[in-house]
Amino acid sequence: MSQITTHVLDTTRGMPAQNLPITLFAQTPDGWQELATGVTNRDGRIAGLLADDVVLAAGVYRMHFATRPYFISNNEQGFYPYVDIVFELDDSGSHYHIPLLLTAFGYSTYRGS
């Protein structure tokens, strides 16, 4: 299993958010470096955002959810054109799950398992 996984649920529709673009970045001294990108599947997940053998170093990371294209594809006017979740990894090599609960006018996240 990848060290970082995500799951996006559209709580307005009560179903997974399909076709939502996501990009993972690492913070560097020079700014943000793109590490991976993908689009959510029918279950609101991205299979293999990172290869299973990739272990990220301790540091600050950002997951960018491009919500505008998702809302447009669902004929919905969203208030948030994107959601950035910034989080910090330790050096344990643990698995981190970054879920997003999304509506057109709000969102919530937590550290999942």
C-alpha atoms as a PDB file:
ATOM      1  CA  MET A   1       0.000   0.000   0.000  1.00  0.00           C
ATOM      2  CA  SER A   2       1.176   3.510  -0.798  1.00  0.00           C
ATOM      3  CA  GLN A   3       2.421   5.590   2.112  1.00  0.00           C
ATOM      4  CA  ILE A   4      -0.185   8.274   1.284  1.00  0.00           C
ATOM      5  CA  THR A   5      -3.746   7.589   0.198  1.00  0.00           C
ATOM      6  CA  THR A   6      -6.806   9.785  -0.166  1.00  0.00           C
ATOM      7  CA  HIS A   7     -10.558   9.461  -0.479  1.00  0.00           C
ATOM      8  CA  VAL A   8     -12.948  12.231  -1.507  1.00  0.00           C
ATOM      9  CA  LEU A   9     -16.623  12.038  -0.598  1.00  0.00           C
ATOM     10  CA  ASP A  10     -19.186  14.484  -1.961  1.00  0.00           C
ATOM     11  CA  THR A  11     -21.433  14.810   1.067  1.00  0.00           C
ATOM     12  CA  THR A  12     -24.059  16.777  -0.895  1.00  0.00           C
ATOM     13  CA  ARG A  13     -24.589  13.847  -3.224  1.00  0.00           C
ATOM     14  CA  GLY A  14     -23.828  11.217  -0.613  1.00  0.00           C
ATOM     15  CA  MET A  15     -21.333   9.492  -2.873  1.00  0.00           C
ATOM     16  CA  PRO A  16     -17.648   9.420  -3.842  1.00  0.00           C
ATOM     17  CA  ALA A  17     -16.309  12.378  -5.823  1.00  0.00           C
ATOM     18  CA  GLN A  18     -15.302  10.895  -9.177  1.00  0.00           C
ATOM     19  CA  ASN A  19     -12.906  12.622 -11.626  1.00  0.00           C
ATOM     20  CA  LEU A  20     -11.463  15.096  -9.131  1.00  0.00           C
ATOM     21  CA  PRO A  21      -7.832  16.047  -9.968  1.00  0.00           C
ATOM     22  CA  ILE A  22      -5.356  15.810  -7.073  1.00  0.00           C
ATOM     23  CA  THR A  23      -1.676  16.778  -6.897  1.00  0.00           C
ATOM     24  CA  LEU A  24       0.761  15.962  -4.090  1.00  0.00           C
ATOM     25  CA  PHE A  25       3.590  18.416  -3.337  1.00  0.00           C
ATOM     26  CA  ALA A  26       6.576  18.418  -0.958  1.00  0.00           C
ATOM     27  CA  GLN A  27       7.779  21.635   0.659  1.00  0.00           C
ATOM     28  CA  THR A  28      11.371  22.466  -0.213  1.00  0.00           C
ATOM     29  CA  PRO A  29      13.576  25.456   0.669  1.00  0.00           C
ATOM     30  CA  ASP A  30      12.694  26.862  -2.765  1.00  0.00           C
ATOM     31  CA  GLY A  31       8.917  26.344  -2.577  1.00  0.00           C
ATOM     32  CA  TRP A  32       6.706  23.390  -3.494  1.00  0.00           C
ATOM     33  CA  GLN A  33       7.875  20.434  -5.594  1.00  0.00           C
ATOM     34  CA  GLU A  34       5.256  18.333  -7.379  1.00  0.00           C
ATOM     35  CA  LEU A  35       5.572  14.648  -6.479  1.00  0.00           C
ATOM     36  CA  ALA A  36       2.501  12.997  -7.987  1.00  0.00           C
ATOM     37  CA  THR A  37      -0.785  13.712  -9.663  1.00  0.00           C
ATOM     38  CA  GLY A  38      -3.922  11.767 -10.458  1.00  0.00           C
ATOM     39  CA  VAL A  39      -7.693  11.806 -10.789  1.00  0.00           C
ATOM     40  CA  THR A  40     -10.124  10.084  -8.455  1.00  0.00           C
ATOM     41  CA  ASN A  41     -11.854   6.944  -9.650  1.00  0.00           C
ATOM     42  CA  ARG A  42     -15.505   5.846  -9.229  1.00  0.00           C
ATOM     43  CA  ASP A  43     -14.814   5.242  -5.533  1.00  0.00           C
ATOM     44  CA  GLY A  44     -13.325   8.731  -4.994  1.00  0.00           C
ATOM     45  CA  ARG A  45      -9.809   7.300  -4.611  1.00  0.00           C
ATOM     46  CA  ILE A  46      -6.587   7.333  -6.614  1.00  0.00           C
ATOM     47  CA  ALA A  47      -5.009   3.929  -6.931  1.00  0.00           C
ATOM     48  CA  GLY A  48      -1.233   4.293  -6.817  1.00  0.00           C
ATOM     49  CA  LEU A  49      -0.834   8.015  -6.225  1.00  0.00           C
ATOM     50  CA  LEU A  50       2.660   7.004  -5.101  1.00  0.00           C
ATOM     51  CA  ALA A  51       4.379   3.730  -5.894  1.00  0.00           C
ATOM     52  CA  ASP A  52       4.180   1.229  -3.046  1.00  0.00           C
ATOM     53  CA  ASP A  53       7.948   1.307  -2.528  1.00  0.00           C
ATOM     54  CA  VAL A  54       8.165   5.119  -2.193  1.00  0.00           C
ATOM     55  CA  VAL A  55       8.849   6.250   1.385  1.00  0.00           C
ATOM     56  CA  LEU A  56       8.597   9.981   1.905  1.00  0.00           C
ATOM     57  CA  ALA A  57      11.052  11.785   4.130  1.00  0.00           C
ATOM     58  CA  ALA A  58       9.878  13.636   7.216  1.00  0.00           C
ATOM     59  CA  GLY A  59       8.628  17.053   6.199  1.00  0.00           C
ATOM     60  CA  VAL A  60       5.724  19.211   5.161  1.00  0.00           C
ATOM     61  CA  TYR A  61       3.507  18.134   2.267  1.00  0.00           C
ATOM     62  CA  ARG A  62       0.492  19.570   0.487  1.00  0.00           C
ATOM     63  CA  MET A  63      -2.343  17.771  -1.237  1.00  0.00           C
ATOM     64  CA  HIS A  64      -4.058  20.010  -3.787  1.00  0.00           C
ATOM     65  CA  PHE A  65      -7.651  19.084  -4.686  1.00  0.00           C
ATOM     66  CA  ALA A  66      -8.756  20.905  -7.878  1.00  0.00           C
ATOM     67  CA  THR A  67     -12.436  21.229  -6.985  1.00  0.00           C
ATOM     68  CA  ARG A  68     -13.460  23.751  -9.682  1.00  0.00           C
ATOM     69  CA  PRO A  69     -13.307  21.190 -12.553  1.00  0.00           C
ATOM     70  CA  TYR A  70     -15.236  18.716 -10.391  1.00  0.00           C
ATOM     71  CA  PHE A  71     -18.008  21.221  -9.630  1.00  0.00           C
ATOM     72  CA  ILE A  72     -18.205  22.351 -13.267  1.00  0.00           C
ATOM     73  CA  SER A  73     -18.498  18.740 -14.461  1.00  0.00           C
ATOM     74  CA  ASN A  74     -21.449  18.331 -12.084  1.00  0.00           C
ATOM     75  CA  ASN A  75     -23.131  21.585 -13.224  1.00  0.00           C
ATOM     76  CA  GLU A  76     -22.591  23.067  -9.794  1.00  0.00           C
ATOM     77  CA  GLN A  77     -21.307  26.463  -8.696  1.00  0.00           C
ATOM     78  CA  GLY A  78     -18.687  25.823  -6.011  1.00  0.00           C
ATOM     79  CA  PHE A  79     -17.383  28.420  -3.583  1.00  0.00           C
ATOM     80  CA  TYR A  80     -13.911  26.891  -3.228  1.00  0.00           C
ATOM     81  CA  PRO A  81     -12.032  26.543  -6.565  1.00  0.00           C
ATOM     82  CA  TYR A  82      -9.512  24.311  -4.834  1.00  0.00           C
ATOM     83  CA  VAL A  83      -8.730  22.838  -1.439  1.00  0.00           C
ATOM     84  CA  ASP A  84      -5.163  22.569  -0.187  1.00  0.00           C
ATOM     85  CA  ILE A  85      -4.484  20.314   2.772  1.00  0.00           C
ATOM     86  CA  VAL A  86      -1.043  20.886   4.274  1.00  0.00           C
ATOM     87  CA  PHE A  87       0.270  18.227   6.649  1.00  0.00           C
ATOM     88  CA  GLU A  88       3.503  17.117   8.279  1.00  0.00           C
ATOM     89  CA  LEU A  89       4.973  13.619   8.130  1.00  0.00           C
ATOM     90  CA  ASP A  90       7.336  12.225  10.697  1.00  0.00           C
ATOM     91  CA  ASP A  91      10.172   9.830   9.892  1.00  0.00           C
ATOM     92  CA  SER A  92       8.322   6.664  10.946  1.00  0.00           C
ATOM     93  CA  GLY A  93       7.401   5.613   7.384  1.00  0.00           C
ATOM     94  CA  SER A  94       3.790   5.183   8.545  1.00  0.00           C
ATOM     95  CA  HIS A  95       0.780   5.096   6.268  1.00  0.00           C
ATOM     96  CA  TYR A  96      -1.124   8.397   6.047  1.00  0.00           C
ATOM     97  CA  HIS A  97      -4.679   8.684   4.757  1.00  0.00           C
ATOM     98  CA  ILE A  98      -5.831  12.185   3.790  1.00  0.00           C
ATOM     99  CA  PRO A  99      -9.624  12.173   3.295  1.00  0.00           C
ATOM    100  CA  LEU A 100     -11.706  15.103   2.082  1.00  0.00           C
ATOM    101  CA  LEU A 101     -15.417  15.535   2.774  1.00  0.00           C
ATOM    102  CA  LEU A 102     -16.637  18.022   0.190  1.00  0.00           C
ATOM    103  CA  THR A 103     -19.683  20.165  -0.582  1.00  0.00           C
ATOM    104  CA  ALA A 104     -19.980  23.203  -2.851  1.00  0.00           C
ATOM    105  CA  PHE A 105     -19.847  25.522   0.169  1.00  0.00           C
ATOM    106  CA  GLY A 106     -17.679  23.690   2.664  1.00  0.00           C
ATOM    107  CA  TYR A 107     -15.180  20.944   3.299  1.00  0.00           C
ATOM    108  CA  SER A 108     -13.680  18.969   6.147  1.00  0.00           C
ATOM    109  CA  THR A 109     -10.685  16.716   6.589  1.00  0.00           C
ATOM    110  CA  TYR A 110      -8.981  14.630   9.264  1.00  0.00           C
ATOM    111  CA  ARG A 111      -6.149  12.145   9.518  1.00  0.00           C
ATOM    112  CA  GLY A 112      -7.650   8.862   8.448  1.00  0.00           C
ATOM    113  CA  SER A 113      -6.353   5.341   8.882  1.00  0.00           C
END
